[in-house]
Amino acid sequence: MKIAFVGKGGSGKTTLSSLFIRHLAAAGIPVIAVDADINQHLGPALGLDEADAAALPAMGAHLPAIKEYLRGANPRIATAENMIKTTPPGHGSRLLRVTESNPVYAACARTVALDGGAVRLMVTGPFNESDLGVACYHSKVGAVELCLNHLVDGRDEYVVVDMTAGSDSFASGMFTRFDMTFLVAEPTRKGVAVYRQYKEYARDFDVSLRVVGNKVQSQDDVSFLRDEVGEDLFTTVGHSDWVRAMEKGRPPRFELLEEPNRQALQALHEAADASYERRDWQRYTRQMVQFHLKNAESWGNEKTGADLAAQVDPAFALSEDLLAGRRTPEFAAAGTSA
């Protein structure tokens, strides 16, 4: 299951995504956690100190090698240099699985121990000095999109992505890569403004969207959110002494999280799990191709000097049938520049 947490900057989406990740890990469920926000806070929210969080390998820095690995023996992709963030897999491509060991995870993922379990954490990486004034952050997030395009996941496996703030998610097709999107909203006019924008942009793409009210202190807050977002309001989360202690770097055992907030996390889990029944791999693949062709025409063909539409394999669709075992060749030494 692929789950996204989105919302206005400061809404608490990183906190909520980290709590959801902890909830899944405590239940013994395999999880890959991905920090795709420009502000890299998911690592600390999962308990890493500043030094360990800063030492996490940036996916963007390994993008050429990721491309080379995923390209595999796909005859439609002549070179890894011709792959862009939206390049879809085809026959011969290498695919990623949540629970396997592979060279991409070896280079880009680090194991984080949590109460009752552990998760793999991957980060896009922050801006560095050479990026300032000349680079677009979405070029870094492209590594996440490319991996999601090549990922085959099952029902009892989770990929949880802490997305960029606000409507920045729509700068790529990545917003369609998820079984469920949880939009975290505070009970304020600014808090629900992002919801309206997200709802409008996602309307034509069959995005499963649920609103999680955060920092809710009263029934009036709940009523406000209900008036503003209607039936999309799924659950709410209130004040948490556990979260306050976590933000100080001294989290208690996760089992001591307040019962109402534990119930909210369980509700998110049940909603995400139920979305599996609506999974449509054909639509998923079709939307992937749609955004690839759009990017190819807009900028990709000019940048690569190739006809990227030719990368589309019309006879290929992602499917859980592809979860059968395969060998995992060595990670290609394709450089480390983004």
C-alpha atoms as a PDB file:
ATOM      1  CA  MET A   1       0.000   0.000   0.000  1.00  0.00           C
ATOM      2  CA  LYS A   2       1.300   3.434  -0.936  1.00  0.00           C
ATOM      3  CA  ILE A   3       0.178   6.215   1.403  1.00  0.00           C
ATOM      4  CA  ALA A   4       0.830   9.966   1.128  1.00  0.00           C
ATOM      5  CA  PHE A   5       0.576  12.609   3.826  1.00  0.00           C
ATOM      6  CA  VAL A   6       0.034  16.126   2.472  1.00  0.00           C
ATOM      7  CA  GLY A   7      -1.032  19.464   3.912  1.00  0.00           C
ATOM      8  CA  LYS A   8      -0.123  23.071   4.518  1.00  0.00           C
ATOM      9  CA  GLY A   9       3.328  23.754   5.879  1.00  0.00           C
ATOM     10  CA  GLY A  10       3.124  23.587   9.662  1.00  0.00           C
ATOM     11  CA  SER A  11      -0.102  21.568   9.663  1.00  0.00           C
ATOM     12  CA  GLY A  12       1.614  18.614  11.320  1.00  0.00           C
ATOM     13  CA  LYS A  13       1.766  16.277   8.326  1.00  0.00           C
ATOM     14  CA  THR A  14       5.274  15.096   9.207  1.00  0.00           C
ATOM     15  CA  THR A  15       4.227  14.435  12.791  1.00  0.00           C
ATOM     16  CA  LEU A  16       1.128  12.518  11.651  1.00  0.00           C
ATOM     17  CA  SER A  17       3.060  10.532   9.051  1.00  0.00           C
ATOM     18  CA  SER A  18       5.689   9.595  11.650  1.00  0.00           C
ATOM     19  CA  LEU A  19       2.971   8.462  14.076  1.00  0.00           C
ATOM     20  CA  PHE A  20       1.358   6.369  11.349  1.00  0.00           C
ATOM     21  CA  ILE A  21       4.726   4.819  10.508  1.00  0.00           C
ATOM     22  CA  ARG A  22       5.288   3.997  14.190  1.00  0.00           C
ATOM     23  CA  HIS A  23       1.802   2.481  14.374  1.00  0.00           C
ATOM     24  CA  LEU A  24       2.496   0.207  11.400  1.00  0.00           C
ATOM     25  CA  ALA A  25       5.930  -0.796  12.686  1.00  0.00           C
ATOM     26  CA  ALA A  26       4.478  -1.655  16.102  1.00  0.00           C
ATOM     27  CA  ALA A  27       2.026  -3.972  14.322  1.00  0.00           C
ATOM     28  CA  GLY A  28       4.924  -5.784  12.628  1.00  0.00           C
ATOM     29  CA  ILE A  29       4.048  -4.482   9.157  1.00  0.00           C
ATOM     30  CA  PRO A  30       6.915  -3.906   6.664  1.00  0.00           C
ATOM     31  CA  VAL A  31       7.298  -0.168   6.002  1.00  0.00           C
ATOM     32  CA  ILE A  32       9.384   2.004   3.732  1.00  0.00           C
ATOM     33  CA  ALA A  33       9.211   5.611   4.957  1.00  0.00           C
ATOM     34  CA  VAL A  34      10.093   8.348   2.461  1.00  0.00           C
ATOM     35  CA  ASP A  35      10.764  11.994   3.252  1.00  0.00           C
ATOM     36  CA  ALA A  36       9.899  13.847   0.040  1.00  0.00           C
ATOM     37  CA  ASP A  37       9.545  17.291   1.635  1.00  0.00           C
ATOM     38  CA  ILE A  38      11.990  20.128   1.046  1.00  0.00           C
ATOM     39  CA  ASN A  39      12.197  20.446   4.839  1.00  0.00           C
ATOM     40  CA  GLN A  40      13.691  17.134   5.898  1.00  0.00           C
ATOM     41  CA  HIS A  41      12.051  16.459   9.278  1.00  0.00           C
ATOM     42  CA  LEU A  42      10.815  12.871   9.034  1.00  0.00           C
ATOM     43  CA  GLY A  43      14.066  11.366  10.331  1.00  0.00           C
ATOM     44  CA  PRO A  44      14.031  13.391  13.569  1.00  0.00           C
ATOM     45  CA  ALA A  45      10.294  12.672  13.939  1.00  0.00           C
ATOM     46  CA  LEU A  46      11.210   8.982  13.879  1.00  0.00           C
ATOM     47  CA  GLY A  47      13.771   9.504  16.612  1.00  0.00           C
ATOM     48  CA  LEU A  48      17.031  10.212  14.759  1.00  0.00           C
ATOM     49  CA  ASP A  49      19.327  12.823  16.238  1.00  0.00           C
ATOM     50  CA  GLU A  50      20.499  15.713  14.080  1.00  0.00           C
ATOM     51  CA  ALA A  51      23.795  14.084  13.124  1.00  0.00           C
ATOM     52  CA  ASP A  52      22.207  10.793  12.062  1.00  0.00           C
ATOM     53  CA  ALA A  53      19.460  12.600  10.154  1.00  0.00           C
ATOM     54  CA  ALA A  54      22.001  14.758   8.332  1.00  0.00           C
ATOM     55  CA  ALA A  55      24.011  11.646   7.406  1.00  0.00           C
ATOM     56  CA  LEU A  56      21.098   9.954   5.605  1.00  0.00           C
ATOM     57  CA  PRO A  57      21.979   9.355   1.933  1.00  0.00           C
ATOM     58  CA  ALA A  58      20.062  11.602  -0.470  1.00  0.00           C
ATOM     59  CA  MET A  59      18.150   9.742  -3.168  1.00  0.00           C
ATOM     60  CA  GLY A  60      18.738  12.630  -5.572  1.00  0.00           C
ATOM     61  CA  ALA A  61      22.477  12.157  -5.245  1.00  0.00           C
ATOM     62  CA  HIS A  62      22.121   8.556  -6.451  1.00  0.00           C
ATOM     63  CA  LEU A  63      19.689   9.283  -9.278  1.00  0.00           C
ATOM     64  CA  PRO A  64      21.963   8.218 -12.173  1.00  0.00           C
ATOM     65  CA  ALA A  65      22.655   4.862 -10.503  1.00  0.00           C
ATOM     66  CA  ILE A  66      18.978   4.407  -9.642  1.00  0.00           C
ATOM     67  CA  LYS A  67      18.116   4.961 -13.295  1.00  0.00           C
ATOM     68  CA  GLU A  68      20.735   2.487 -14.476  1.00  0.00           C
ATOM     69  CA  TYR A  69      19.480  -0.175 -12.089  1.00  0.00           C
ATOM     70  CA  LEU A  70      15.786   0.280 -12.904  1.00  0.00           C
ATOM     71  CA  ARG A  71      16.467   0.368 -16.657  1.00  0.00           C
ATOM     72  CA  GLY A  72      17.647  -3.211 -16.486  1.00  0.00           C
ATOM     73  CA  ALA A  73      17.356  -4.858 -19.898  1.00  0.00           C
ATOM     74  CA  ASN A  74      14.415  -2.778 -21.111  1.00  0.00           C
ATOM     75  CA  PRO A  75      15.036  -2.550 -24.883  1.00  0.00           C
ATOM     76  CA  ARG A  76      12.977   0.646 -25.155  1.00  0.00           C
ATOM     77  CA  ILE A  77      15.461   2.612 -23.039  1.00  0.00           C
ATOM     78  CA  ALA A  78      18.802   2.872 -24.818  1.00  0.00           C
ATOM     79  CA  THR A  79      20.655   4.587 -21.959  1.00  0.00           C
ATOM     80  CA  ALA A  80      19.930   5.597 -18.386  1.00  0.00           C
ATOM     81  CA  GLU A  81      20.628   9.202 -19.377  1.00  0.00           C
ATOM     82  CA  ASN A  82      17.414   9.119 -21.417  1.00  0.00           C
ATOM     83  CA  MET A  83      15.308   8.275 -18.365  1.00  0.00           C
ATOM     84  CA  ILE A  84      13.383  11.079 -16.680  1.00  0.00           C
ATOM     85  CA  LYS A  85      11.415  11.117 -13.430  1.00  0.00           C
ATOM     86  CA  THR A  86       8.252   9.826 -15.137  1.00  0.00           C
ATOM     87  CA  THR A  87       9.805   7.030 -17.199  1.00  0.00           C
ATOM     88  CA  PRO A  88       7.507   4.006 -16.820  1.00  0.00           C
ATOM     89  CA  PRO A  89       8.729   0.421 -16.528  1.00  0.00           C
ATOM     90  CA  GLY A  90       8.355  -2.074 -19.338  1.00  0.00           C
ATOM     91  CA  HIS A  91       9.400  -5.602 -20.145  1.00  0.00           C
ATOM     92  CA  GLY A  92      13.013  -5.974 -19.046  1.00  0.00           C
ATOM     93  CA  SER A  93      12.864  -3.225 -16.412  1.00  0.00           C
ATOM     94  CA  ARG A  94      13.914  -4.029 -12.880  1.00  0.00           C
ATOM     95  CA  LEU A  95      11.173  -3.596 -10.308  1.00  0.00           C
ATOM     96  CA  LEU A  96      11.350  -2.805  -6.598  1.00  0.00           C
ATOM     97  CA  ARG A  97       9.593  -4.749  -3.833  1.00  0.00           C
ATOM     98  CA  VAL A  98       9.037  -3.482  -0.306  1.00  0.00           C
ATOM     99  CA  THR A  99      10.582  -6.372   1.625  1.00  0.00           C
ATOM    100  CA  GLU A 100      13.445  -7.350  -0.656  1.00  0.00           C
ATOM    101  CA  SER A 101      17.102  -6.431  -0.481  1.00  0.00           C
ATOM    102  CA  ASN A 102      18.233  -4.589  -3.581  1.00  0.00           C
ATOM    103  CA  PRO A 103      20.987  -2.185  -4.582  1.00  0.00           C
ATOM    104  CA  VAL A 104      18.694   0.859  -4.510  1.00  0.00           C
ATOM    105  CA  TYR A 105      17.810   0.265  -0.876  1.00  0.00           C
ATOM    106  CA  ALA A 106      21.425  -0.543  -0.061  1.00  0.00           C
ATOM    107  CA  ALA A 107      22.509   2.847  -1.400  1.00  0.00           C
ATOM    108  CA  CYS A 108      19.572   5.026  -0.348  1.00  0.00           C
ATOM    109  CA  ALA A 109      17.766   3.447   2.624  1.00  0.00           C
ATOM    110  CA  ARG A 110      18.738   3.216   6.264  1.00  0.00           C
ATOM    111  CA  THR A 111      17.072   1.093   8.925  1.00  0.00           C
ATOM    112  CA  VAL A 112      15.481   2.995  11.809  1.00  0.00           C
ATOM    113  CA  ALA A 113      14.597   0.997  14.926  1.00  0.00           C
ATOM    114  CA  LEU A 114      11.207   1.828  16.463  1.00  0.00           C
ATOM    115  CA  ASP A 115       9.132   0.383  19.292  1.00  0.00           C
ATOM    116  CA  GLY A 116       8.299  -3.171  18.345  1.00  0.00           C
ATOM    117  CA  GLY A 117       9.863  -3.041  14.887  1.00  0.00           C
ATOM    118  CA  ALA A 118      11.986  -1.191  12.361  1.00  0.00           C
ATOM    119  CA  VAL A 119      11.435   0.656   9.092  1.00  0.00           C
ATOM    120  CA  ARG A 120      13.511   1.551   6.075  1.00  0.00           C
ATOM    121  CA  LEU A 121      13.884   5.324   5.770  1.00  0.00           C
ATOM    122  CA  MET A 122      14.690   7.056   2.478  1.00  0.00           C
ATOM    123  CA  VAL A 123      15.061  10.817   1.935  1.00  0.00           C
ATOM    124  CA  THR A 124      15.204  12.973  -1.148  1.00  0.00           C
ATOM    125  CA  GLY A 125      17.815  15.164   0.480  1.00  0.00           C
ATOM    126  CA  PRO A 126      17.751  18.895   1.245  1.00  0.00           C
ATOM    127  CA  PHE A 127      18.916  21.785  -0.868  1.00  0.00           C
ATOM    128  CA  ASN A 128      22.637  22.264  -0.712  1.00  0.00           C
ATOM    129  CA  GLU A 129      24.662  25.390  -1.385  1.00  0.00           C
ATOM    130  CA  SER A 130      25.171  24.583  -5.074  1.00  0.00           C
ATOM    131  CA  ASP A 131      21.386  24.296  -5.552  1.00  0.00           C
ATOM    132  CA  LEU A 132      20.492  27.724  -4.209  1.00  0.00           C
ATOM    133  CA  GLY A 133      19.112  30.038  -6.866  1.00  0.00           C
ATOM    134  CA  VAL A 134      19.604  27.572  -9.723  1.00  0.00           C
ATOM    135  CA  ALA A 135      17.835  24.293  -8.927  1.00  0.00           C
ATOM    136  CA  CYS A 136      14.212  23.214  -8.626  1.00  0.00           C
ATOM    137  CA  TYR A 137      13.411  20.957  -5.685  1.00  0.00           C
ATOM    138  CA  HIS A 138      11.183  18.831  -7.876  1.00  0.00           C
ATOM    139  CA  SER A 139      14.287  17.536  -9.645  1.00  0.00           C
ATOM    140  CA  LYS A 140      15.269  15.933  -6.329  1.00  0.00           C
ATOM    141  CA  VAL A 141      11.787  14.508  -5.737  1.00  0.00           C
ATOM    142  CA  GLY A 142      12.063  12.925  -9.192  1.00  0.00           C
ATOM    143  CA  ALA A 143      14.057  10.063  -7.664  1.00  0.00           C
ATOM    144  CA  VAL A 144      11.072   9.227  -5.456  1.00  0.00           C
ATOM    145  CA  GLU A 145       8.650   9.332  -8.383  1.00  0.00           C
ATOM    146  CA  LEU A 146      10.865   7.083 -10.491  1.00  0.00           C
ATOM    147  CA  CYS A 147      11.096   4.517  -7.680  1.00  0.00           C
ATOM    148  CA  LEU A 148       7.334   4.586  -7.101  1.00  0.00           C
ATOM    149  CA  ASN A 149       6.804   4.005 -10.825  1.00  0.00           C
ATOM    150  CA  HIS A 150       8.874   0.823 -10.556  1.00  0.00           C
ATOM    151  CA  LEU A 151       7.491  -0.415  -7.232  1.00  0.00           C
ATOM    152  CA  VAL A 152       5.241  -3.454  -6.899  1.00  0.00           C
ATOM    153  CA  ASP A 153       3.743  -3.627  -3.410  1.00  0.00           C
ATOM    154  CA  GLY A 154       1.279  -5.938  -1.742  1.00  0.00           C
ATOM    155  CA  ARG A 155      -1.562  -5.452   0.706  1.00  0.00           C
ATOM    156  CA  ASP A 156       0.395  -6.013   3.907  1.00  0.00           C
ATOM    157  CA  GLU A 157       3.349  -3.862   2.837  1.00  0.00           C
ATOM    158  CA  TYR A 158       3.421  -0.091   3.203  1.00  0.00           C
ATOM    159  CA  VAL A 159       5.246   2.801   1.598  1.00  0.00           C
ATOM    160  CA  VAL A 160       4.483   6.012   3.510  1.00  0.00           C
ATOM    161  CA  VAL A 161       5.566   9.284   1.886  1.00  0.00           C
ATOM    162  CA  ASP A 162       5.753  12.623   3.683  1.00  0.00           C
ATOM    163  CA  MET A 163       5.064  14.875   0.688  1.00  0.00           C
ATOM    164  CA  THR A 164       5.992  18.460  -0.132  1.00  0.00           C
ATOM    165  CA  ALA A 165       3.849  21.132   1.514  1.00  0.00           C
ATOM    166  CA  GLY A 166       0.706  22.608   0.009  1.00  0.00           C
ATOM    167  CA  SER A 167      -0.102  21.974  -3.630  1.00  0.00           C
ATOM    168  CA  ASP A 168       3.540  21.513  -4.680  1.00  0.00           C
ATOM    169  CA  SER A 169       2.731  17.813  -5.084  1.00  0.00           C
ATOM    170  CA  PHE A 170       1.018  18.679  -8.362  1.00  0.00           C
ATOM    171  CA  ALA A 171       4.267  19.760  -9.995  1.00  0.00           C
ATOM    172  CA  SER A 172       4.627  16.107 -11.008  1.00  0.00           C
ATOM    173  CA  GLY A 173       2.395  13.093 -11.480  1.00  0.00           C
ATOM    174  CA  MET A 174       3.439  11.701  -8.114  1.00  0.00           C
ATOM    175  CA  PHE A 175       0.117  12.666  -6.525  1.00  0.00           C
ATOM    176  CA  THR A 176      -1.494   9.799  -8.488  1.00  0.00           C
ATOM    177  CA  ARG A 177       0.958   7.178  -7.171  1.00  0.00           C
ATOM    178  CA  PHE A 178      -0.915   6.451  -3.938  1.00  0.00           C
ATOM    179  CA  ASP A 179      -3.685   4.144  -2.782  1.00  0.00           C
ATOM    180  CA  MET A 180      -4.689   6.714  -0.172  1.00  0.00           C
ATOM    181  CA  THR A 181      -3.827  10.365   0.444  1.00  0.00           C
ATOM    182  CA  PHE A 182      -4.294  11.774   3.933  1.00  0.00           C
ATOM    183  CA  LEU A 183      -4.517  15.573   3.942  1.00  0.00           C
ATOM    184  CA  VAL A 184      -3.676  17.036   7.336  1.00  0.00           C
ATOM    185  CA  ALA A 185      -5.653  20.203   8.077  1.00  0.00           C
ATOM    186  CA  GLU A 186      -5.765  22.517  11.054  1.00  0.00           C
ATOM    187  CA  PRO A 187      -9.168  23.961  12.035  1.00  0.00           C
ATOM    188  CA  THR A 188      -8.447  27.358  10.482  1.00  0.00           C
ATOM    189  CA  ARG A 189      -9.284  29.043   7.176  1.00  0.00           C
ATOM    190  CA  LYS A 190      -5.677  28.687   6.035  1.00  0.00           C
ATOM    191  CA  GLY A 191      -5.719  25.082   7.174  1.00  0.00           C
ATOM    192  CA  VAL A 192      -8.621  24.157   4.892  1.00  0.00           C
ATOM    193  CA  ALA A 193      -7.516  26.326   1.936  1.00  0.00           C
ATOM    194  CA  VAL A 194      -4.987  23.688   0.878  1.00  0.00           C
ATOM    195  CA  TYR A 195      -7.726  21.068   1.057  1.00  0.00           C
ATOM    196  CA  ARG A 196      -9.900  22.970  -1.424  1.00  0.00           C
ATOM    197  CA  GLN A 197      -6.972  23.412  -3.807  1.00  0.00           C
ATOM    198  CA  TYR A 198      -5.918  19.778  -3.515  1.00  0.00           C
ATOM    199  CA  LYS A 199      -9.463  18.553  -3.991  1.00  0.00           C
ATOM    200  CA  GLU A 200      -9.872  20.634  -7.145  1.00  0.00           C
ATOM    201  CA  TYR A 201      -6.577  19.595  -8.723  1.00  0.00           C
ATOM    202  CA  ALA A 202      -7.101  15.908  -7.920  1.00  0.00           C
ATOM    203  CA  ARG A 203     -10.727  15.808  -9.070  1.00  0.00           C
ATOM    204  CA  ASP A 204     -10.104  14.221 -12.475  1.00  0.00           C
ATOM    205  CA  PHE A 205      -7.553  11.631 -11.321  1.00  0.00           C
ATOM    206  CA  ASP A 206      -9.577   9.421  -8.979  1.00  0.00           C
ATOM    207  CA  VAL A 207      -7.405  10.306  -5.974  1.00  0.00           C
ATOM    208  CA  SER A 208      -8.640   8.733  -2.723  1.00  0.00           C
ATOM    209  CA  LEU A 209      -8.488  11.703  -0.351  1.00  0.00           C
ATOM    210  CA  ARG A 210      -9.246  11.774   3.376  1.00  0.00           C
ATOM    211  CA  VAL A 211      -8.870  14.778   5.684  1.00  0.00           C
ATOM    212  CA  VAL A 212      -7.261  14.361   9.093  1.00  0.00           C
ATOM    213  CA  GLY A 213      -8.066  17.265  11.398  1.00  0.00           C
ATOM    214  CA  ASN A 214      -4.993  18.077  13.479  1.00  0.00           C
ATOM    215  CA  LYS A 215      -4.500  20.259  16.565  1.00  0.00           C
ATOM    216  CA  VAL A 216      -8.196  19.900  17.329  1.00  0.00           C
ATOM    217  CA  GLN A 217      -9.028  21.237  20.778  1.00  0.00           C
ATOM    218  CA  SER A 218     -12.824  21.387  20.954  1.00  0.00           C
ATOM    219  CA  GLN A 219     -16.071  20.282  19.391  1.00  0.00           C
ATOM    220  CA  ASP A 220     -16.216  23.691  17.752  1.00  0.00           C
ATOM    221  CA  ASP A 221     -12.974  22.835  15.916  1.00  0.00           C
ATOM    222  CA  VAL A 222     -14.552  19.596  14.712  1.00  0.00           C
ATOM    223  CA  SER A 223     -17.700  21.416  13.613  1.00  0.00           C
ATOM    224  CA  PHE A 224     -15.634  23.983  11.703  1.00  0.00           C
ATOM    225  CA  LEU A 225     -13.759  21.278   9.827  1.00  0.00           C
ATOM    226  CA  ARG A 226     -16.974  19.394   9.111  1.00  0.00           C
ATOM    227  CA  ASP A 227     -18.572  22.554   7.714  1.00  0.00           C
ATOM    228  CA  GLU A 228     -15.551  23.255   5.511  1.00  0.00           C
ATOM    229  CA  VAL A 229     -14.628  19.817   4.169  1.00  0.00           C
ATOM    230  CA  GLY A 230     -17.843  17.843   4.620  1.00  0.00           C
ATOM    231  CA  GLU A 231     -17.708  14.080   4.437  1.00  0.00           C
ATOM    232  CA  ASP A 232     -14.012  14.140   3.495  1.00  0.00           C
ATOM    233  CA  LEU A 233     -13.256  14.740   7.191  1.00  0.00           C
ATOM    234  CA  PHE A 234     -12.226  11.267   8.273  1.00  0.00           C
ATOM    235  CA  THR A 235     -10.824  11.612  11.794  1.00  0.00           C
ATOM    236  CA  THR A 236      -9.210  14.143  14.115  1.00  0.00           C
ATOM    237  CA  VAL A 237      -6.158  14.270  16.337  1.00  0.00           C
ATOM    238  CA  GLY A 238      -5.924  16.426  19.442  1.00  0.00           C
ATOM    239  CA  HIS A 239      -3.256  17.596  21.826  1.00  0.00           C
ATOM    240  CA  SER A 240      -0.633  14.986  22.657  1.00  0.00           C
ATOM    241  CA  ASP A 241       1.795  15.045  25.550  1.00  0.00           C
ATOM    242  CA  TRP A 242       3.473  12.067  23.836  1.00  0.00           C
ATOM    243  CA  VAL A 243       4.134  14.128  20.713  1.00  0.00           C
ATOM    244  CA  ARG A 244       5.426  17.028  22.799  1.00  0.00           C
ATOM    245  CA  ALA A 245       7.897  14.691  24.483  1.00  0.00           C
ATOM    246  CA  MET A 246       8.886  13.258  21.084  1.00  0.00           C
ATOM    247  CA  GLU A 247       9.565  16.744  19.763  1.00  0.00           C
ATOM    248  CA  LYS A 248      11.895  17.272  22.704  1.00  0.00           C
ATOM    249  CA  GLY A 249      13.766  14.124  21.730  1.00  0.00           C
ATOM    250  CA  ARG A 250      12.473  12.119  24.701  1.00  0.00           C
ATOM    251  CA  PRO A 251       9.569  10.028  23.395  1.00  0.00           C
ATOM    252  CA  PRO A 252       7.983   7.560  25.822  1.00  0.00           C
ATOM    253  CA  ARG A 253       7.182   4.062  24.663  1.00  0.00           C
ATOM    254  CA  PHE A 254       4.804   4.280  21.714  1.00  0.00           C
ATOM    255  CA  GLU A 255       2.217   2.188  23.540  1.00  0.00           C
ATOM    256  CA  LEU A 256       1.762   5.170  25.875  1.00  0.00           C
ATOM    257  CA  LEU A 257       0.397   7.388  23.110  1.00  0.00           C
ATOM    258  CA  GLU A 258      -2.986   8.729  24.189  1.00  0.00           C
ATOM    259  CA  GLU A 259      -5.860   6.336  23.476  1.00  0.00           C
ATOM    260  CA  PRO A 260      -7.918   8.763  21.315  1.00  0.00           C
ATOM    261  CA  ASN A 261      -4.891   9.372  19.114  1.00  0.00           C
ATOM    262  CA  ARG A 262      -4.144   5.634  18.945  1.00  0.00           C
ATOM    263  CA  GLN A 263      -7.718   5.102  17.796  1.00  0.00           C
ATOM    264  CA  ALA A 264      -7.265   7.763  15.108  1.00  0.00           C
ATOM    265  CA  LEU A 265      -4.160   5.976  13.807  1.00  0.00           C
ATOM    266  CA  GLN A 266      -6.022   2.679  13.749  1.00  0.00           C
ATOM    267  CA  ALA A 267      -8.799   4.335  11.746  1.00  0.00           C
ATOM    268  CA  LEU A 268      -6.213   5.564   9.214  1.00  0.00           C
ATOM    269  CA  HIS A 269      -4.777   2.058   9.014  1.00  0.00           C
ATOM    270  CA  GLU A 270      -8.199   0.504   8.390  1.00  0.00           C
ATOM    271  CA  ALA A 271      -9.026   3.075   5.706  1.00  0.00           C
ATOM    272  CA  ALA A 272      -5.704   2.530   3.968  1.00  0.00           C
ATOM    273  CA  ASP A 273      -6.117  -1.237   4.116  1.00  0.00           C
ATOM    274  CA  ALA A 274      -9.648  -1.021   2.705  1.00  0.00           C
ATOM    275  CA  SER A 275      -8.375   0.996  -0.262  1.00  0.00           C
ATOM    276  CA  TYR A 276      -6.598  -2.152  -1.438  1.00  0.00           C
ATOM    277  CA  GLU A 277      -9.937  -3.468  -2.665  1.00  0.00           C
ATOM    278  CA  ARG A 278     -10.173  -0.504  -5.060  1.00  0.00           C
ATOM    279  CA  ARG A 279      -6.650  -0.849  -6.427  1.00  0.00           C
ATOM    280  CA  ASP A 280      -6.592  -0.753 -10.218  1.00  0.00           C
ATOM    281  CA  TRP A 281      -3.151  -1.541 -11.627  1.00  0.00           C
ATOM    282  CA  GLN A 282      -4.316  -0.823 -15.178  1.00  0.00           C
ATOM    283  CA  ARG A 283      -5.414   2.705 -14.238  1.00  0.00           C
ATOM    284  CA  TYR A 284      -2.250   3.190 -12.217  1.00  0.00           C
ATOM    285  CA  THR A 285      -0.095   2.274 -15.210  1.00  0.00           C
ATOM    286  CA  ARG A 286      -2.241   4.342 -17.579  1.00  0.00           C
ATOM    287  CA  GLN A 287      -1.845   7.481 -15.425  1.00  0.00           C
ATOM    288  CA  MET A 288       1.893   6.862 -15.204  1.00  0.00           C
ATOM    289  CA  VAL A 289       2.102   6.800 -18.988  1.00  0.00           C
ATOM    290  CA  GLN A 290      -0.128   9.856 -19.275  1.00  0.00           C
ATOM    291  CA  PHE A 291       2.191  11.993 -17.156  1.00  0.00           C
ATOM    292  CA  HIS A 292       5.275  10.598 -18.861  1.00  0.00           C
ATOM    293  CA  LEU A 293       4.000  11.615 -22.302  1.00  0.00           C
ATOM    294  CA  LYS A 294       3.089  15.041 -20.973  1.00  0.00           C
ATOM    295  CA  ASN A 295       6.545  15.575 -19.494  1.00  0.00           C
ATOM    296  CA  ALA A 296       8.228  14.208 -22.603  1.00  0.00           C
ATOM    297  CA  GLU A 297       6.452  16.705 -24.825  1.00  0.00           C
ATOM    298  CA  SER A 298       6.845  19.596 -22.410  1.00  0.00           C
ATOM    299  CA  TRP A 299      10.581  19.325 -21.700  1.00  0.00           C
ATOM    300  CA  GLY A 300      11.905  15.760 -21.684  1.00  0.00           C
ATOM    301  CA  ASN A 301      12.402  15.273 -25.431  1.00  0.00           C
ATOM    302  CA  GLU A 302      14.287  18.534 -25.726  1.00  0.00           C
ATOM    303  CA  LYS A 303      16.467  17.848 -22.692  1.00  0.00           C
ATOM    304  CA  THR A 304      17.445  14.298 -23.690  1.00  0.00           C
ATOM    305  CA  GLY A 305      17.412  14.694 -27.457  1.00  0.00           C
ATOM    306  CA  ALA A 306      15.310  11.530 -27.707  1.00  0.00           C
ATOM    307  CA  ASP A 307      11.698  10.637 -28.397  1.00  0.00           C
ATOM    308  CA  LEU A 308      10.679   9.602 -24.897  1.00  0.00           C
ATOM    309  CA  ALA A 309       7.243   8.471 -26.031  1.00  0.00           C
ATOM    310  CA  ALA A 310       9.058   5.448 -27.462  1.00  0.00           C
ATOM    311  CA  GLN A 311       9.865   4.364 -23.886  1.00  0.00           C
ATOM    312  CA  VAL A 312       6.214   3.408 -23.327  1.00  0.00           C
ATOM    313  CA  ASP A 313       5.638  -0.335 -23.538  1.00  0.00           C
ATOM    314  CA  PRO A 314       1.965  -0.686 -24.558  1.00  0.00           C
ATOM    315  CA  ALA A 315       1.885  -4.376 -23.622  1.00  0.00           C
ATOM    316  CA  PHE A 316       3.121  -3.813 -20.059  1.00  0.00           C
ATOM    317  CA  ALA A 317       1.172  -3.103 -16.870  1.00  0.00           C
ATOM    318  CA  LEU A 318       2.298  -3.249 -13.277  1.00  0.00           C
ATOM    319  CA  SER A 319       0.661  -6.033 -11.314  1.00  0.00           C
ATOM    320  CA  GLU A 320       1.140  -8.018  -8.151  1.00  0.00           C
ATOM    321  CA  ASP A 321       1.668 -10.988 -10.444  1.00  0.00           C
ATOM    322  CA  LEU A 322       5.126  -9.495 -10.939  1.00  0.00           C
ATOM    323  CA  LEU A 323       6.004 -10.127  -7.280  1.00  0.00           C
ATOM    324  CA  ALA A 324       7.581 -13.456  -8.243  1.00  0.00           C
ATOM    325  CA  GLY A 325      11.245 -13.746  -7.266  1.00  0.00           C
ATOM    326  CA  ARG A 326      14.082 -12.479  -9.373  1.00  0.00           C
ATOM    327  CA  ARG A 327      17.828 -11.882  -9.100  1.00  0.00           C
ATOM    328  CA  THR A 328      19.074  -8.466  -7.977  1.00  0.00           C
ATOM    329  CA  PRO A 329      22.243  -7.554  -9.922  1.00  0.00           C
ATOM    330  CA  GLU A 330      24.867  -5.298  -8.486  1.00  0.00           C
ATOM    331  CA  PHE A 331      24.127  -1.573  -8.259  1.00  0.00           C
ATOM    332  CA  ALA A 332      25.600   0.146 -11.307  1.00  0.00           C
ATOM    333  CA  ALA A 333      28.357   2.650 -10.631  1.00  0.00           C
ATOM    334  CA  ALA A 334      26.714   5.453 -12.550  1.00  0.00           C
ATOM    335  CA  GLY A 335      27.971   8.428 -10.596  1.00  0.00           C
ATOM    336  CA  THR A 336      26.469  10.424  -7.742  1.00  0.00           C
ATOM    337  CA  SER A 337      25.439  13.758  -9.260  1.00  0.00           C
ATOM    338  CA  ALA A 338      21.736  14.616  -9.443  1.00  0.00           C
END
